[in-house]
Amino acid sequence: MAEIGERPEVRLVAHCRRCHGWLVSPKSVLAGIGPTCAIREQSELRAALAAQPVALTLFDIAA
């Protein structure tokens, strides 16, 4: 039986928006994404931005 002075620990948990795994870190809960998924998401975003065609200006065409 629990002692009178003991109180249960209450934690806020949430699901990762990417993999739907449990988030228990306060920082991850606040961000809504776990650290591994955040790194993967940033990597995919950089790759998508790098794959976009570069817009040409009239100065680029004339050269």
Protein backbone atom coordinates (compact mmCIF):
# COMPACT_ATOMS: atom_id res chain seq x y z
CA MET A 1 0.00 0.00 0.00
CA ALA A 2 1.23 3.50 -0.76
CA GLU A 3 2.44 5.74 2.00
CA ILE A 4 0.24 8.69 2.97
CA GLY A 5 2.80 11.28 1.75
CA GLU A 6 3.36 9.62 -1.64
CA ARG A 7 1.64 11.09 -4.64
CA PRO A 8 1.42 9.54 -8.08
CA GLU A 9 3.53 11.13 -10.80
CA VAL A 10 1.46 12.74 -13.53
CA ARG A 11 3.01 13.27 -16.95
CA LEU A 12 1.60 14.87 -20.05
CA VAL A 13 2.07 12.58 -23.03
CA ALA A 14 1.10 12.97 -26.65
CA HIS A 15 1.53 11.27 -30.00
CA CYS A 16 4.15 12.27 -32.58
CA ARG A 17 2.53 13.92 -35.60
CA ARG A 18 4.78 11.93 -37.93
CA CYS A 19 5.05 8.36 -36.58
CA HIS A 20 2.27 8.47 -33.93
CA GLY A 21 4.65 7.14 -31.28
CA TRP A 22 4.41 8.25 -27.66
CA LEU A 23 6.06 11.54 -26.71
CA VAL A 24 7.02 11.83 -23.05
CA SER A 25 9.70 14.55 -23.15
CA PRO A 26 8.21 17.96 -22.32
CA LYS A 27 10.14 19.50 -25.24
CA SER A 28 8.81 16.88 -27.67
CA VAL A 29 5.26 17.20 -26.36
CA LEU A 30 5.45 20.96 -26.87
CA ALA A 31 6.82 20.57 -30.42
CA GLY A 32 4.41 17.76 -31.27
CA ILE A 33 7.18 15.67 -32.82
CA GLY A 34 9.94 13.43 -31.48
CA PRO A 35 13.64 14.19 -31.98
CA THR A 36 14.25 11.44 -34.56
CA CYS A 37 11.21 12.40 -36.60
CA ALA A 38 12.16 16.09 -36.38
CA ILE A 39 15.59 15.35 -37.89
CA ARG A 40 14.04 13.27 -40.66
CA GLU A 41 11.41 15.94 -41.35
CA GLN A 42 14.08 18.67 -41.62
CA SER A 43 16.15 16.47 -43.95
CA GLU A 44 13.16 15.82 -46.22
CA LEU A 45 12.32 19.53 -46.28
CA ARG A 46 15.89 20.44 -47.30
CA ALA A 47 15.84 17.78 -50.02
CA ALA A 48 12.51 19.05 -51.35
CA LEU A 49 13.78 22.64 -51.44
CA ALA A 50 16.95 21.57 -53.24
CA ALA A 51 14.93 19.68 -55.85
CA GLN A 52 12.82 22.72 -56.78
CA PRO A 53 13.80 24.30 -60.09
CA VAL A 54 15.55 27.64 -59.85
CA ALA A 55 13.57 30.49 -61.42
CA LEU A 56 15.45 32.26 -64.20
CA THR A 57 15.42 36.00 -64.64
CA LEU A 58 15.85 37.94 -67.87
CA PHE A 59 19.44 38.64 -66.89
CA ASP A 60 20.17 34.91 -66.63
CA ILE A 61 18.70 34.22 -70.07
CA ALA A 62 20.60 37.05 -71.76
CA ALA A 63 23.93 35.87 -70.38
